[in-house]
PDB file of N, CA and C in Angstrom:
ATOM      1  N   MET A   1     122.331 112.872  19.394  1.00  0.00           N
ATOM      2  CA  MET A   1     122.566 113.817  18.325  1.00  0.00           C
ATOM      3  C   MET A   1     121.280 114.592  18.006  1.00  0.00           C
ATOM      4  N   LYS A   2     120.153 113.907  17.960  1.00  0.00           N
ATOM      5  CA  LYS A   2     118.885 114.563  17.634  1.00  0.00           C
ATOM      6  C   LYS A   2     118.489 115.578  18.702  1.00  0.00           C
ATOM      7  N   MET A   3     118.812 115.271  19.959  1.00  0.00           N
ATOM      8  CA  MET A   3     118.494 116.214  21.030  1.00  0.00           C
ATOM      9  C   MET A   3     119.308 117.494  20.875  1.00  0.00           C
ATOM     10  N   ALA A   4     120.582 117.354  20.547  1.00  0.00           N
ATOM     11  CA  ALA A   4     121.436 118.529  20.331  1.00  0.00           C
ATOM     12  C   ALA A   4     120.952 119.314  19.119  1.00  0.00           C
ATOM     13  N   GLU A   5     120.566 118.622  18.090  1.00  0.00           N
ATOM     14  CA  GLU A   5     120.047 119.287  16.890  1.00  0.00           C
ATOM     15  C   GLU A   5     118.783 120.078  17.229  1.00  0.00           C
ATOM     16  N   TYR A   6     117.907 119.494  18.032  1.00  0.00           N
ATOM     17  CA  TYR A   6     116.689 120.181  18.457  1.00  0.00           C
ATOM     18  C   TYR A   6     117.032 121.420  19.289  1.00  0.00           C
ATOM     19  N   MET A   7     117.994 121.297  20.202  1.00  0.00           N
ATOM     20  CA  MET A   7     118.332 122.400  21.109  1.00  0.00           C
ATOM     21  C   MET A   7     119.092 123.525  20.413  1.00  0.00           C
ATOM     22  N   GLU A   8     119.668 123.252  19.241  1.00  0.00           N
ATOM     23  CA  GLU A   8     120.332 124.314  18.468  1.00  0.00           C
ATOM     24  C   GLU A   8     119.352 125.448  18.158  1.00  0.00           C
ATOM     25  N   GLN A   9     118.070 125.111  18.056  1.00  0.00           N
ATOM     26  CA  GLN A   9     117.041 126.105  17.752  1.00  0.00           C
ATOM     27  C   GLN A   9     116.603 126.879  18.995  1.00  0.00           C
ATOM     28  N   HIS A  10     117.093 126.473  20.168  1.00  0.00           N
ATOM     29  CA  HIS A  10     116.648 127.079  21.426  1.00  0.00           C
ATOM     30  C   HIS A  10     117.780 127.758  22.194  1.00  0.00           C
ATOM     31  N   ILE A  11     118.894 128.034  21.533  1.00  0.00           N
ATOM     32  CA  ILE A  11     120.011 128.714  22.201  1.00  0.00           C
ATOM     33  C   ILE A  11     119.542 130.083  22.684  1.00  0.00           C
ATOM     34  N   GLY A  12     119.856 130.375  23.947  1.00  0.00           N
ATOM     35  CA  GLY A  12     119.442 131.630  24.568  1.00  0.00           C
ATOM     36  C   GLY A  12     118.155 131.524  25.365  1.00  0.00           C
ATOM     37  N   GLU A  13     117.420 130.442  25.195  1.00  0.00           N
ATOM     38  CA  GLU A  13     116.163 130.252  25.913  1.00  0.00           C
ATOM     39  C   GLU A  13     116.422 129.626  27.281  1.00  0.00           C
ATOM     40  N   THR A  14     115.494 129.840  28.213  1.00  0.00           N
ATOM     41  CA  THR A  14     115.622 129.268  29.552  1.00  0.00           C
ATOM     42  C   THR A  14     114.608 128.146  29.746  1.00  0.00           C
ATOM     43  N   PHE A  15     115.009 127.183  30.591  1.00  0.00           N
ATOM     44  CA  PHE A  15     114.181 126.021  30.881  1.00  0.00           C
ATOM     45  C   PHE A  15     114.348 125.627  32.344  1.00  0.00           C
ATOM     46  N   LYS A  16     113.309 125.030  32.903  1.00  0.00           N
ATOM     47  CA  LYS A  16     113.373 124.483  34.245  1.00  0.00           C
ATOM     48  C   LYS A  16     113.814 123.025  34.139  1.00  0.00           C
ATOM     49  N   GLY A  17     114.687 122.602  35.066  1.00  0.00           N
ATOM     50  CA  GLY A  17     115.140 121.221  35.051  1.00  0.00           C
ATOM     51  C   GLY A  17     115.602 120.776  36.420  1.00  0.00           C
ATOM     52  N   MET A  18     116.111 119.535  36.458  1.00  0.00           N
ATOM     53  CA  MET A  18     116.564 118.928  37.701  1.00  0.00           C
ATOM     54  C   MET A  18     117.988 118.400  37.521  1.00  0.00           C
ATOM     55  N   ILE A  19     118.824 118.589  38.535  1.00  0.00           N
ATOM     56  CA  ILE A  19     120.184 118.066  38.484  1.00  0.00           C
ATOM     57  C   ILE A  19     120.114 116.544  38.552  1.00  0.00           C
ATOM     58  N   SER A  20     120.624 115.880  37.518  1.00  0.00           N
ATOM     59  CA  SER A  20     120.511 114.425  37.411  1.00  0.00           C
ATOM     60  C   SER A  20     121.828 113.693  37.662  1.00  0.00           C
ATOM     61  N   THR A  21     122.945 114.374  37.472  1.00  0.00           N
ATOM     62  CA  THR A  21     124.266 113.773  37.672  1.00  0.00           C
ATOM     63  C   THR A  21     125.230 114.853  38.124  1.00  0.00           C
ATOM     64  N   ILE A  22     126.081 114.533  39.107  1.00  0.00           N
ATOM     65  CA  ILE A  22     127.118 115.460  39.571  1.00  0.00           C
ATOM     66  C   ILE A  22     128.468 114.815  39.275  1.00  0.00           C
ATOM     67  N   THR A  23     129.387 115.613  38.712  1.00  0.00           N
ATOM     68  CA  THR A  23     130.732 115.125  38.413  1.00  0.00           C
ATOM     69  C   THR A  23     131.757 116.135  38.916  1.00  0.00           C
ATOM     70  N   SER A  24     133.016 115.795  38.794  1.00  0.00           N
ATOM     71  CA  SER A  24     134.072 116.717  39.219  1.00  0.00           C
ATOM     72  C   SER A  24     134.195 117.916  38.277  1.00  0.00           C
ATOM     73  N   PHE A  25     133.619 117.835  37.080  1.00  0.00           N
ATOM     74  CA  PHE A  25     133.721 118.932  36.106  1.00  0.00           C
ATOM     75  C   PHE A  25     132.417 119.706  35.936  1.00  0.00           C
ATOM     76  N   GLY A  26     131.393 119.386  36.725  1.00  0.00           N
ATOM     77  CA  GLY A  26     130.124 120.084  36.650  1.00  0.00           C
ATOM     78  C   GLY A  26     128.965 119.158  36.953  1.00  0.00           C
ATOM     79  N   PHE A  27     127.790 119.508  36.448  1.00  0.00           N
ATOM     80  CA  PHE A  27     126.634 118.638  36.649  1.00  0.00           C
ATOM     81  C   PHE A  27     125.713 118.685  35.438  1.00  0.00           C
ATOM     82  N   PHE A  28     124.978 117.601  35.281  1.00  0.00           N
ATOM     83  CA  PHE A  28     124.027 117.492  34.187  1.00  0.00           C
ATOM     84  C   PHE A  28     122.638 117.834  34.701  1.00  0.00           C
ATOM     85  N   VAL A  29     121.903 118.572  33.875  1.00  0.00           N
ATOM     86  CA  VAL A  29     120.536 118.968  34.199  1.00  0.00           C
ATOM     87  C   VAL A  29     119.615 118.327  33.169  1.00  0.00           C
ATOM     88  N   GLU A  30     118.587 117.642  33.678  1.00  0.00           N
ATOM     89  CA  GLU A  30     117.586 117.043  32.805  1.00  0.00           C
ATOM     90  C   GLU A  30     116.363 117.951  32.790  1.00  0.00           C
ATOM     91  N   LEU A  31     115.959 118.345  31.592  1.00  0.00           N
ATOM     92  CA  LEU A  31     114.797 119.214  31.429  1.00  0.00           C
ATOM     93  C   LEU A  31     113.512 118.393  31.482  1.00  0.00           C
ATOM     94  N   ASP A  32     112.393 119.078  31.589  1.00  0.00           N
ATOM     95  CA  ASP A  32     111.094 118.399  31.619  1.00  0.00           C
ATOM     96  C   ASP A  32     110.839 117.579  30.356  1.00  0.00           C
ATOM     97  N   ASN A  33     111.463 117.990  29.234  1.00  0.00           N
ATOM     98  CA  ASN A  33     111.284 117.256  27.970  1.00  0.00           C
ATOM     99  C   ASN A  33     112.312 116.131  27.812  1.00  0.00           C
ATOM    100  N   LEU A  34     113.030 115.788  28.916  1.00  0.00           N
ATOM    101  CA  LEU A  34     114.001 114.692  29.005  1.00  0.00           C
ATOM    102  C   LEU A  34     115.332 114.967  28.311  1.00  0.00           C
ATOM    103  N   ILE A  35     115.526 116.174  27.810  1.00  0.00           N
ATOM    104  CA  ILE A  35     116.821 116.543  27.233  1.00  0.00           C
ATOM    105  C   ILE A  35     117.770 116.886  28.368  1.00  0.00           C
ATOM    106  N   GLU A  36     119.018 116.426  28.231  1.00  0.00           N
ATOM    107  CA  GLU A  36     120.009 116.623  29.281  1.00  0.00           C
ATOM    108  C   GLU A  36     121.182 117.428  28.740  1.00  0.00           C
ATOM    109  N   GLY A  37     121.672 118.354  29.562  1.00  0.00           N
ATOM    110  CA  GLY A  37     122.815 119.166  29.181  1.00  0.00           C
ATOM    111  C   GLY A  37     123.730 119.379  30.370  1.00  0.00           C
ATOM    112  N   LEU A  38     124.926 119.881  30.090  1.00  0.00           N
ATOM    113  CA  LEU A  38     125.970 120.053  31.100  1.00  0.00           C
ATOM    114  C   LEU A  38     126.105 121.503  31.535  1.00  0.00           C
ATOM    115  N   VAL A  39     126.189 121.697  32.854  1.00  0.00           N
ATOM    116  CA  VAL A  39     126.589 122.980  33.434  1.00  0.00           C
ATOM    117  C   VAL A  39     128.017 122.768  33.912  1.00  0.00           C
ATOM    118  N   ARG A  40     128.955 123.435  33.281  1.00  0.00           N
ATOM    119  CA  ARG A  40     130.373 123.248  33.615  1.00  0.00           C
ATOM    120  C   ARG A  40     130.720 123.981  34.907  1.00  0.00           C
ATOM    121  N   ILE A  41     131.557 123.343  35.725  1.00  0.00           N
ATOM    122  CA  ILE A  41     131.968 123.928  37.003  1.00  0.00           C
ATOM    123  C   ILE A  41     132.685 125.256  36.780  1.00  0.00           C
ATOM    124  N   THR A  42     133.350 125.395  35.656  1.00  0.00           N
ATOM    125  CA  THR A  42     134.073 126.635  35.346  1.00  0.00           C
ATOM    126  C   THR A  42     133.121 127.792  35.040  1.00  0.00           C
ATOM    127  N   ASP A  43     131.857 127.486  34.743  1.00  0.00           N
ATOM    128  CA  ASP A  43     130.863 128.523  34.454  1.00  0.00           C
ATOM    129  C   ASP A  43     130.074 128.949  35.686  1.00  0.00           C
ATOM    130  N   LEU A  44     130.323 128.301  36.827  1.00  0.00           N
ATOM    131  CA  LEU A  44     129.632 128.658  38.063  1.00  0.00           C
ATOM    132  C   LEU A  44     130.371 129.797  38.747  1.00  0.00           C
ATOM    133  N   ASN A  45     129.628 130.684  39.386  1.00  0.00           N
ATOM    134  CA  ASN A  45     130.248 131.761  40.156  1.00  0.00           C
ATOM    135  C   ASN A  45     130.754 131.188  41.466  1.00  0.00           C
ATOM    136  N   GLY A  46     132.036 131.330  41.724  1.00  0.00           N
ATOM    137  CA  GLY A  46     132.617 130.807  42.954  1.00  0.00           C
ATOM    138  C   GLY A  46     133.614 129.707  42.672  1.00  0.00           C
ATOM    139  N   PHE A  47     134.120 129.120  43.753  1.00  0.00           N
ATOM    140  CA  PHE A  47     135.076 128.021  43.642  1.00  0.00           C
ATOM    141  C   PHE A  47     134.439 126.787  44.268  1.00  0.00           C
ATOM    142  N   TYR A  48     134.032 125.854  43.433  1.00  0.00           N
ATOM    143  CA  TYR A  48     133.286 124.685  43.895  1.00  0.00           C
ATOM    144  C   TYR A  48     134.181 123.463  44.024  1.00  0.00           C
ATOM    145  N   ASP A  49     133.986 122.751  45.141  1.00  0.00           N
ATOM    146  CA  ASP A  49     134.659 121.471  45.376  1.00  0.00           C
ATOM    147  C   ASP A  49     133.650 120.360  45.144  1.00  0.00           C
ATOM    148  N   TYR A  50     134.129 119.270  44.551  1.00  0.00           N
ATOM    149  CA  TYR A  50     133.298 118.105  44.287  1.00  0.00           C
ATOM    150  C   TYR A  50     133.346 117.183  45.494  1.00  0.00           C
ATOM    151  N   ASN A  51     132.191 116.918  46.090  1.00  0.00           N
ATOM    152  CA  ASN A  51     132.072 115.982  47.199  1.00  0.00           C
ATOM    153  C   ASN A  51     131.447 114.709  46.640  1.00  0.00           C
ATOM    154  N   GLU A  52     132.312 113.744  46.288  1.00  0.00           N
ATOM    155  CA  GLU A  52     131.844 112.526  45.623  1.00  0.00           C
ATOM    156  C   GLU A  52     130.951 111.691  46.531  1.00  0.00           C
ATOM    157  N   GLU A  53     131.313 111.595  47.797  1.00  0.00           N
ATOM    158  CA  GLU A  53     130.557 110.768  48.750  1.00  0.00           C
ATOM    159  C   GLU A  53     129.100 111.216  48.859  1.00  0.00           C
ATOM    160  N   ASN A  54     128.892 112.525  48.912  1.00  0.00           N
ATOM    161  CA  ASN A  54     127.541 113.070  49.051  1.00  0.00           C
ATOM    162  C   ASN A  54     126.944 113.552  47.735  1.00  0.00           C
ATOM    163  N   GLN A  55     127.672 113.353  46.633  1.00  0.00           N
ATOM    164  CA  GLN A  55     127.206 113.738  45.301  1.00  0.00           C
ATOM    165  C   GLN A  55     126.717 115.190  45.270  1.00  0.00           C
ATOM    166  N   MET A  56     127.659 116.111  45.575  1.00  0.00           N
ATOM    167  CA  MET A  56     127.318 117.518  45.526  1.00  0.00           C
ATOM    168  C   MET A  56     128.540 118.362  45.232  1.00  0.00           C
ATOM    169  N   LEU A  57     128.282 119.587  44.778  1.00  0.00           N
ATOM    170  CA  LEU A  57     129.318 120.592  44.578  1.00  0.00           C
ATOM    171  C   LEU A  57     129.085 121.677  45.620  1.00  0.00           C
ATOM    172  N   VAL A  58     130.155 122.061  46.342  1.00  0.00           N
ATOM    173  CA  VAL A  58     130.040 123.021  47.428  1.00  0.00           C
ATOM    174  C   VAL A  58     131.007 124.176  47.186  1.00  0.00           C
ATOM    175  N   ASP A  59     130.493 125.412  47.274  1.00  0.00           N
ATOM    176  CA  ASP A  59     131.329 126.608  47.197  1.00  0.00           C
ATOM    177  C   ASP A  59     131.804 126.927  48.609  1.00  0.00           C
ATOM    178  N   GLU A  60     133.121 126.871  48.804  1.00  0.00           N
ATOM    179  CA  GLU A  60     133.700 127.073  50.133  1.00  0.00           C
ATOM    180  C   GLU A  60     133.388 128.446  50.715  1.00  0.00           C
ATOM    181  N   LYS A  61     133.374 129.463  49.883  1.00  0.00           N
ATOM    182  CA  LYS A  61     133.197 130.837  50.373  1.00  0.00           C
ATOM    183  C   LYS A  61     131.733 131.143  50.697  1.00  0.00           C
ATOM    184  N   SER A  62     130.846 130.923  49.742  1.00  0.00           N
ATOM    185  CA  SER A  62     129.430 131.271  49.928  1.00  0.00           C
ATOM    186  C   SER A  62     128.623 130.135  50.548  1.00  0.00           C
ATOM    187  N   HIS A  63     129.193 128.939  50.571  1.00  0.00           N
ATOM    188  CA  HIS A  63     128.517 127.726  51.068  1.00  0.00           C
ATOM    189  C   HIS A  63     127.310 127.350  50.222  1.00  0.00           C
ATOM    190  N   ASN A  64     127.266 127.842  48.997  1.00  0.00           N
ATOM    191  CA  ASN A  64     126.224 127.440  48.057  1.00  0.00           C
ATOM    192  C   ASN A  64     126.474 125.984  47.673  1.00  0.00           C
ATOM    193  N   ILE A  65     125.400 125.198  47.563  1.00  0.00           N
ATOM    194  CA  ILE A  65     125.517 123.769  47.284  1.00  0.00           C
ATOM    195  C   ILE A  65     124.598 123.397  46.126  1.00  0.00           C
ATOM    196  N   TYR A  66     125.114 122.576  45.224  1.00  0.00           N
ATOM    197  CA  TYR A  66     124.300 121.949  44.183  1.00  0.00           C
ATOM    198  C   TYR A  66     124.302 120.450  44.457  1.00  0.00           C
ATOM    199  N   ARG A  67     123.090 119.871  44.599  1.00  0.00           N
ATOM    200  CA  ARG A  67     122.929 118.445  44.916  1.00  0.00           C
ATOM    201  C   ARG A  67     122.092 117.752  43.845  1.00  0.00           C
ATOM    202  N   LEU A  68     122.188 116.421  43.834  1.00  0.00           N
ATOM    203  CA  LEU A  68     121.308 115.626  42.985  1.00  0.00           C
ATOM    204  C   LEU A  68     119.860 115.949  43.331  1.00  0.00           C
ATOM    205  N   GLY A  69     119.042 116.131  42.319  1.00  0.00           N
ATOM    206  CA  GLY A  69     117.627 116.384  42.528  1.00  0.00           C
ATOM    207  C   GLY A  69     117.252 117.840  42.693  1.00  0.00           C
ATOM    208  N   ASP A  70     118.234 118.736  42.840  1.00  0.00           N
ATOM    209  CA  ASP A  70     117.929 120.164  42.959  1.00  0.00           C
ATOM    210  C   ASP A  70     117.230 120.654  41.697  1.00  0.00           C
ATOM    211  N   GLN A  71     116.222 121.497  41.874  1.00  0.00           N
ATOM    212  CA  GLN A  71     115.522 122.127  40.761  1.00  0.00           C
ATOM    213  C   GLN A  71     116.248 123.427  40.415  1.00  0.00           C
ATOM    214  N   VAL A  72     116.488 123.636  39.127  1.00  0.00           N
ATOM    215  CA  VAL A  72     117.205 124.816  38.666  1.00  0.00           C
ATOM    216  C   VAL A  72     116.564 125.352  37.388  1.00  0.00           C
ATOM    217  N   VAL A  73     116.879 126.598  37.078  1.00  0.00           N
ATOM    218  CA  VAL A  73     116.517 127.178  35.789  1.00  0.00           C
ATOM    219  C   VAL A  73     117.828 127.388  35.048  1.00  0.00           C
ATOM    220  N   VAL A  74     117.884 126.896  33.812  1.00  0.00           N
ATOM    221  CA  VAL A  74     119.104 126.987  33.017  1.00  0.00           C
ATOM    222  C   VAL A  74     118.827 127.672  31.693  1.00  0.00           C
ATOM    223  N   LYS A  75     119.891 128.237  31.115  1.00  0.00           N
ATOM    224  CA  LYS A  75     119.822 128.843  29.788  1.00  0.00           C
ATOM    225  C   LYS A  75     120.681 127.988  28.859  1.00  0.00           C
ATOM    226  N   VAL A  76     120.177 127.734  27.671  1.00  0.00           N
ATOM    227  CA  VAL A  76     120.941 126.992  26.660  1.00  0.00           C
ATOM    228  C   VAL A  76     121.984 127.940  26.083  1.00  0.00           C
ATOM    229  N   VAL A  77     123.271 127.605  26.247  1.00  0.00           N
ATOM    230  CA  VAL A  77     124.327 128.474  25.730  1.00  0.00           C
ATOM    231  C   VAL A  77     125.038 127.875  24.523  1.00  0.00           C
ATOM    232  N   ARG A  78     124.938 126.556  24.357  1.00  0.00           N
ATOM    233  CA  ARG A  78     125.586 125.915  23.209  1.00  0.00           C
ATOM    234  C   ARG A  78     124.944 124.563  22.964  1.00  0.00           C
ATOM    235  N   ALA A  79     124.802 124.213  21.696  1.00  0.00           N
ATOM    236  CA  ALA A  79     124.323 122.896  21.303  1.00  0.00           C
ATOM    237  C   ALA A  79     124.997 122.541  19.985  1.00  0.00           C
ATOM    238  N   SER A  80     125.565 121.340  19.942  1.00  0.00           N
ATOM    239  CA  SER A  80     126.266 120.904  18.740  1.00  0.00           C
ATOM    240  C   SER A  80     125.881 119.471  18.398  1.00  0.00           C
ATOM    241  N   LYS A  81     125.199 119.311  17.269  1.00  0.00           N
ATOM    242  CA  LYS A  81     124.839 117.950  16.865  1.00  0.00           C
ATOM    243  C   LYS A  81     126.070 117.174  16.423  1.00  0.00           C
ATOM    244  N   GLU A  82     127.087 117.868  15.918  1.00  0.00           N
ATOM    245  CA  GLU A  82     128.320 117.195  15.500  1.00  0.00           C
ATOM    246  C   GLU A  82     129.056 116.604  16.705  1.00  0.00           C
ATOM    247  N   GLU A  83     129.121 117.376  17.793  1.00  0.00           N
ATOM    248  CA  GLU A  83     129.805 116.914  19.002  1.00  0.00           C
ATOM    249  C   GLU A  83     128.865 116.181  19.951  1.00  0.00           C
ATOM    250  N   LYS A  84     127.567 116.193  19.633  1.00  0.00           N
ATOM    251  CA  LYS A  84     126.531 115.558  20.451  1.00  0.00           C
ATOM    252  C   LYS A  84     126.558 116.096  21.877  1.00  0.00           C
ATOM    253  N   GLU A  85     126.663 117.418  22.002  1.00  0.00           N
ATOM    254  CA  GLU A  85     126.751 118.062  23.309  1.00  0.00           C
ATOM    255  C   GLU A  85     125.771 119.224  23.405  1.00  0.00           C
ATOM    256  N   ILE A  86     125.261 119.419  24.637  1.00  0.00           N
ATOM    257  CA  ILE A  86     124.415 120.561  24.956  1.00  0.00           C
ATOM    258  C   ILE A  86     124.976 121.173  26.234  1.00  0.00           C
ATOM    259  N   ASP A  87     125.231 122.482  26.209  1.00  0.00           N
ATOM    260  CA  ASP A  87     125.761 123.181  27.386  1.00  0.00           C
ATOM    261  C   ASP A  87     124.724 124.154  27.904  1.00  0.00           C
ATOM    262  N   PHE A  88     124.567 124.147  29.221  1.00  0.00           N
ATOM    263  CA  PHE A  88     123.667 125.053  29.911  1.00  0.00           C
ATOM    264  C   PHE A  88     124.457 125.978  30.808  1.00  0.00           C
ATOM    265  N   GLN A  89     123.807 127.055  31.217  1.00  0.00           N
ATOM    266  CA  GLN A  89     124.349 127.985  32.199  1.00  0.00           C
ATOM    267  C   GLN A  89     123.250 128.183  33.246  1.00  0.00           C
ATOM    268  N   ILE A  90     123.647 128.207  34.515  1.00  0.00           N
ATOM    269  CA  ILE A  90     122.667 128.375  35.587  1.00  0.00           C
ATOM    270  C   ILE A  90     122.096 129.792  35.562  1.00  0.00           C
ATOM    271  N   VAL A  91     120.780 129.895  35.608  1.00  0.00           N
ATOM    272  CA  VAL A  91     120.109 131.176  35.747  1.00  0.00           C
ATOM    273  C   VAL A  91     119.767 131.385  37.218  1.00  0.00           C
ATOM    274  N   LYS A  92     119.158 130.344  37.826  1.00  0.00           N
ATOM    275  CA  LYS A  92     118.886 130.386  39.265  1.00  0.00           C
ATOM    276  C   LYS A  92     118.565 128.988  39.775  1.00  0.00           C
ATOM    277  N   LYS A  93     118.725 128.850  41.073  1.00  0.00           N
ATOM    278  CA  LYS A  93     118.389 127.615  41.772  1.00  0.00           C
ATOM    279  C   LYS A  93     117.028 127.817  42.398  1.00  0.00           C
ATOM    280  N   LEU A  94     116.149 126.847  42.246  1.00  0.00           N
ATOM    281  CA  LEU A  94     114.783 126.977  42.799  1.00  0.00           C
ATOM    282  C   LEU A  94     114.700 126.381  44.190  1.00  0.00           C
TER     283      LEU A  94
END
């Protein structure tokens, strides 16, 4: 809750982070300050399939891949201390 409360003040700002968890609905990015937020699969450009065995999301058309450990730049688009959630949007993959 405190992390979401802190990030409410940073909506619209960009941060560098690392993909820490991949799920069928998106992936979590951990920032350098240890705050973690979700990039929803519905917010990604393209149609991504979840490859559970290899822990990655793959876009069939562009062949773009997001894997565990990938470095990315994200923008804070939503933070709610009530829901204890932080949402990010991908700016670019490093």
